[in-house]
C-alpha atoms as a PDB file:
ATOM      1  CA  UNK A   1     -23.941  82.542 -69.534  1.00  0.00           C
ATOM      2  CA  UNK A   2     -26.107  80.773 -72.117  1.00  0.00           C
ATOM      3  CA  UNK A   3     -28.124  82.998 -74.459  1.00  0.00           C
ATOM      4  CA  UNK A   4     -31.477  81.849 -73.034  1.00  0.00           C
ATOM      5  CA  UNK A   5     -30.263  82.646 -69.509  1.00  0.00           C
ATOM      6  CA  UNK A   6     -29.175  86.123 -70.624  1.00  0.00           C
ATOM      7  CA  UNK A   7     -32.588  86.692 -72.203  1.00  0.00           C
ATOM      8  CA  UNK A   8     -34.322  85.572 -69.004  1.00  0.00           C
ATOM      9  CA  UNK A   9     -32.142  87.846 -66.840  1.00  0.00           C
ATOM     10  CA  UNK A  10     -32.843  90.741 -69.222  1.00  0.00           C
ATOM     11  CA  UNK A  11     -36.583  90.027 -68.978  1.00  0.00           C
ATOM     12  CA  UNK A  12     -36.477  90.009 -65.180  1.00  0.00           C
ATOM     13  CA  UNK A  13     -34.533  93.292 -65.167  1.00  0.00           C
ATOM     14  CA  UNK A  14     -37.203  94.823 -67.451  1.00  0.00           C
ATOM     15  CA  UNK A  15     -39.983  93.469 -65.195  1.00  0.00           C
ATOM     16  CA  UNK A  16     -38.375  94.890 -62.038  1.00  0.00           C
ATOM     17  CA  UNK A  17     -37.957  98.330 -63.654  1.00  0.00           C
ATOM     18  CA  UNK A  18     -41.579  98.174 -64.881  1.00  0.00           C
ATOM     19  CA  UNK A  19     -42.894  97.318 -61.409  1.00  0.00           C
ATOM     20  CA  UNK A  20     -40.761  99.945 -59.667  1.00  0.00           C
ATOM     21  CA  UNK A  21     -42.028 102.559 -62.120  1.00  0.00           C
ATOM     22  CA  UNK A  22     -45.582 101.599 -61.071  1.00  0.00           C
ATOM     23  CA  UNK A  23     -44.689 102.105 -57.405  1.00  0.00           C
ATOM     24  CA  UNK A  24     -44.106  98.503 -56.338  1.00  0.00           C
ATOM     25  CA  UNK A  25     -41.423  97.850 -53.728  1.00  0.00           C
ATOM     26  CA  UNK A  26     -39.240  94.893 -54.699  1.00  0.00           C
ATOM     27  CA  UNK A  27     -38.533  92.627 -51.733  1.00  0.00           C
ATOM     28  CA  UNK A  28     -36.842  89.671 -53.444  1.00  0.00           C
ATOM     29  CA  UNK A  29     -35.464  88.667 -56.826  1.00  0.00           C
ATOM     30  CA  UNK A  30     -34.765  85.034 -57.731  1.00  0.00           C
ATOM     31  CA  UNK A  31     -35.784  83.873 -54.254  1.00  0.00           C
ATOM     32  CA  UNK A  32     -34.840  80.254 -53.614  1.00  0.00           C
ATOM     33  CA  UNK A  33     -35.372  77.879 -50.734  1.00  0.00           C
ATOM     34  CA  UNK A  34     -34.673  74.227 -51.382  1.00  0.00           C
ATOM     35  CA  UNK A  35     -36.545  73.290 -54.548  1.00  0.00           C
ATOM     36  CA  UNK A  36     -38.814  76.349 -54.259  1.00  0.00           C
ATOM     37  CA  UNK A  37     -38.098  79.452 -56.326  1.00  0.00           C
ATOM     38  CA  UNK A  38     -39.888  82.700 -57.146  1.00  0.00           C
ATOM     39  CA  UNK A  39     -38.868  85.280 -59.756  1.00  0.00           C
ATOM     40  CA  UNK A  40     -40.003  88.473 -58.011  1.00  0.00           C
ATOM     41  CA  UNK A  41     -41.600  89.153 -54.639  1.00  0.00           C
ATOM     42  CA  UNK A  42     -42.899  92.705 -54.265  1.00  0.00           C
ATOM     43  CA  UNK A  43     -45.276  94.901 -52.323  1.00  0.00           C
ATOM     44  CA  UNK A  44     -48.073  96.789 -54.048  1.00  0.00           C
ATOM     45  CA  UNK A  45     -49.317  98.930 -51.190  1.00  0.00           C
ATOM     46  CA  UNK A  46     -50.115  96.376 -48.468  1.00  0.00           C
ATOM     47  CA  UNK A  47     -50.472  93.459 -50.885  1.00  0.00           C
ATOM     48  CA  UNK A  48     -47.703  90.903 -51.266  1.00  0.00           C
ATOM     49  CA  UNK A  49     -47.327  90.249 -54.990  1.00  0.00           C
ATOM     50  CA  UNK A  50     -45.559  87.195 -56.366  1.00  0.00           C
ATOM     51  CA  UNK A  51     -44.570  87.753 -59.992  1.00  0.00           C
ATOM     52  CA  UNK A  52     -43.597  85.070 -62.502  1.00  0.00           C
ATOM     53  CA  UNK A  53     -41.680  86.516 -65.446  1.00  0.00           C
ATOM     54  CA  UNK A  54     -41.722  84.813 -68.840  1.00  0.00           C
ATOM     55  CA  UNK A  55     -39.507  86.166 -71.591  1.00  0.00           C
ATOM     56  CA  UNK A  56     -39.487  85.133 -75.243  1.00  0.00           C
ATOM     57  CA  UNK A  57     -37.807  86.493 -78.367  1.00  0.00           C
ATOM     58  CA  UNK A  58     -41.075  86.360 -80.322  1.00  0.00           C
ATOM     59  CA  UNK A  59     -44.568  84.864 -80.266  1.00  0.00           C
ATOM     60  CA  UNK A  60     -43.957  82.123 -82.861  1.00  0.00           C
ATOM     61  CA  UNK A  61     -44.810  79.440 -80.327  1.00  0.00           C
ATOM     62  CA  UNK A  62     -47.514  81.387 -78.475  1.00  0.00           C
ATOM     63  CA  UNK A  63     -47.567  83.988 -75.746  1.00  0.00           C
ATOM     64  CA  UNK A  64     -44.909  83.650 -73.024  1.00  0.00           C
ATOM     65  CA  UNK A  65     -47.482  83.237 -70.251  1.00  0.00           C
ATOM     66  CA  UNK A  66     -48.791  80.083 -71.958  1.00  0.00           C
ATOM     67  CA  UNK A  67     -45.624  78.342 -70.752  1.00  0.00           C
ATOM     68  CA  UNK A  68     -47.008  78.407 -67.202  1.00  0.00           C
ATOM     69  CA  UNK A  69     -48.767  75.080 -67.346  1.00  0.00           C
ATOM     70  CA  UNK A  70     -50.580  73.185 -64.582  1.00  0.00           C
ATOM     71  CA  UNK A  71     -47.382  71.581 -63.272  1.00  0.00           C
ATOM     72  CA  UNK A  72     -45.617  74.967 -63.073  1.00  0.00           C
ATOM     73  CA  UNK A  73     -48.644  76.522 -61.339  1.00  0.00           C
ATOM     74  CA  UNK A  74     -48.616  73.767 -58.715  1.00  0.00           C
ATOM     75  CA  UNK A  75     -44.899  74.353 -58.174  1.00  0.00           C
ATOM     76  CA  UNK A  76     -45.492  78.090 -57.829  1.00  0.00           C
ATOM     77  CA  UNK A  77     -48.346  77.538 -55.369  1.00  0.00           C
ATOM     78  CA  UNK A  78     -46.038  75.383 -53.247  1.00  0.00           C
ATOM     79  CA  UNK A  79     -43.238  77.980 -53.399  1.00  0.00           C
ATOM     80  CA  UNK A  80     -45.625  80.817 -52.483  1.00  0.00           C
ATOM     81  CA  UNK A  81     -46.996  78.811 -49.556  1.00  0.00           C
ATOM     82  CA  UNK A  82     -43.450  78.123 -48.375  1.00  0.00           C
ATOM     83  CA  UNK A  83     -42.462  81.803 -48.682  1.00  0.00           C
ATOM     84  CA  UNK A  84     -45.556  83.006 -46.810  1.00  0.00           C
ATOM     85  CA  UNK A  85     -45.016  80.547 -43.946  1.00  0.00           C
ATOM     86  CA  UNK A  86     -41.277  81.234 -43.764  1.00  0.00           C
ATOM     87  CA  UNK A  87     -41.851  84.991 -43.513  1.00  0.00           C
ATOM     88  CA  UNK A  88     -45.041  84.785 -41.397  1.00  0.00           C
ATOM     89  CA  UNK A  89     -46.884  86.987 -43.898  1.00  0.00           C
ATOM     90  CA  UNK A  90     -50.240  88.216 -42.691  1.00  0.00           C
ATOM     91  CA  UNK A  91     -51.344  90.323 -45.621  1.00  0.00           C
ATOM     92  CA  UNK A  92     -53.255  89.961 -48.864  1.00  0.00           C
ATOM     93  CA  UNK A  93     -51.358  87.955 -51.478  1.00  0.00           C
ATOM     94  CA  UNK A  94     -51.655  88.162 -55.235  1.00  0.00           C
ATOM     95  CA  UNK A  95     -50.044  86.249 -58.100  1.00  0.00           C
ATOM     96  CA  UNK A  96     -49.151  88.175 -61.277  1.00  0.00           C
ATOM     97  CA  UNK A  97     -47.466  87.271 -64.537  1.00  0.00           C
ATOM     98  CA  UNK A  98     -45.308  89.618 -66.566  1.00  0.00           C
ATOM     99  CA  UNK A  99     -44.609  88.489 -70.112  1.00  0.00           C
ATOM    100  CA  UNK A 100     -41.807  90.125 -72.048  1.00  0.00           C
ATOM    101  CA  UNK A 101     -41.413  89.703 -75.806  1.00  0.00           C
ATOM    102  CA  UNK A 102     -38.325  91.080 -77.499  1.00  0.00           C
ATOM    103  CA  UNK A 103     -34.587  90.870 -77.843  1.00  0.00           C
ATOM    104  CA  UNK A 104     -31.832  92.373 -75.738  1.00  0.00           C
ATOM    105  CA  UNK A 105     -31.179  95.873 -77.022  1.00  0.00           C
ATOM    106  CA  UNK A 106     -34.704  96.379 -78.393  1.00  0.00           C
ATOM    107  CA  UNK A 107     -37.842  97.919 -76.914  1.00  0.00           C
ATOM    108  CA  UNK A 108     -39.786  94.968 -75.444  1.00  0.00           C
ATOM    109  CA  UNK A 109     -43.514  94.338 -75.418  1.00  0.00           C
ATOM    110  CA  UNK A 110     -44.610  94.051 -71.777  1.00  0.00           C
ATOM    111  CA  UNK A 111     -47.873  92.473 -70.616  1.00  0.00           C
ATOM    112  CA  UNK A 112     -48.696  92.616 -66.905  1.00  0.00           C
ATOM    113  CA  UNK A 113     -51.445  90.165 -66.001  1.00  0.00           C
ATOM    114  CA  UNK A 114     -52.649  90.761 -62.452  1.00  0.00           C
ATOM    115  CA  UNK A 115     -54.420  88.525 -59.958  1.00  0.00           C
ATOM    116  CA  UNK A 116     -53.970  85.262 -61.838  1.00  0.00           C
ATOM    117  CA  UNK A 117     -55.515  82.101 -60.386  1.00  0.00           C
ATOM    118  CA  UNK A 118     -52.842  79.506 -59.713  1.00  0.00           C
ATOM    119  CA  UNK A 119     -54.884  76.307 -59.769  1.00  0.00           C
END
């Protein structure tokens, strides 16, 4: 596996552990359907939470969440819509971002940004 893929997998593992520690129930990881994909789908009480995870080694080129540009947000909105319709979800839905900064084997910096507007 390429180093950047290992870092991304590590970041998602950290994010899942972080969410579970806060009481979230993880429903899906790396959900894919056609060209749609979501990093984490979880429940926070009765709210369906879609979480995009961004992992970086450092902040030299900005905060990880800054990589979620307009095009990525549109893609996420489409994927969330597809997921909700596919699973006939009838609950509140929220979009969160978890940014992880660090290296494998170190203590990461974790930022959990809740209820982010997609577009």
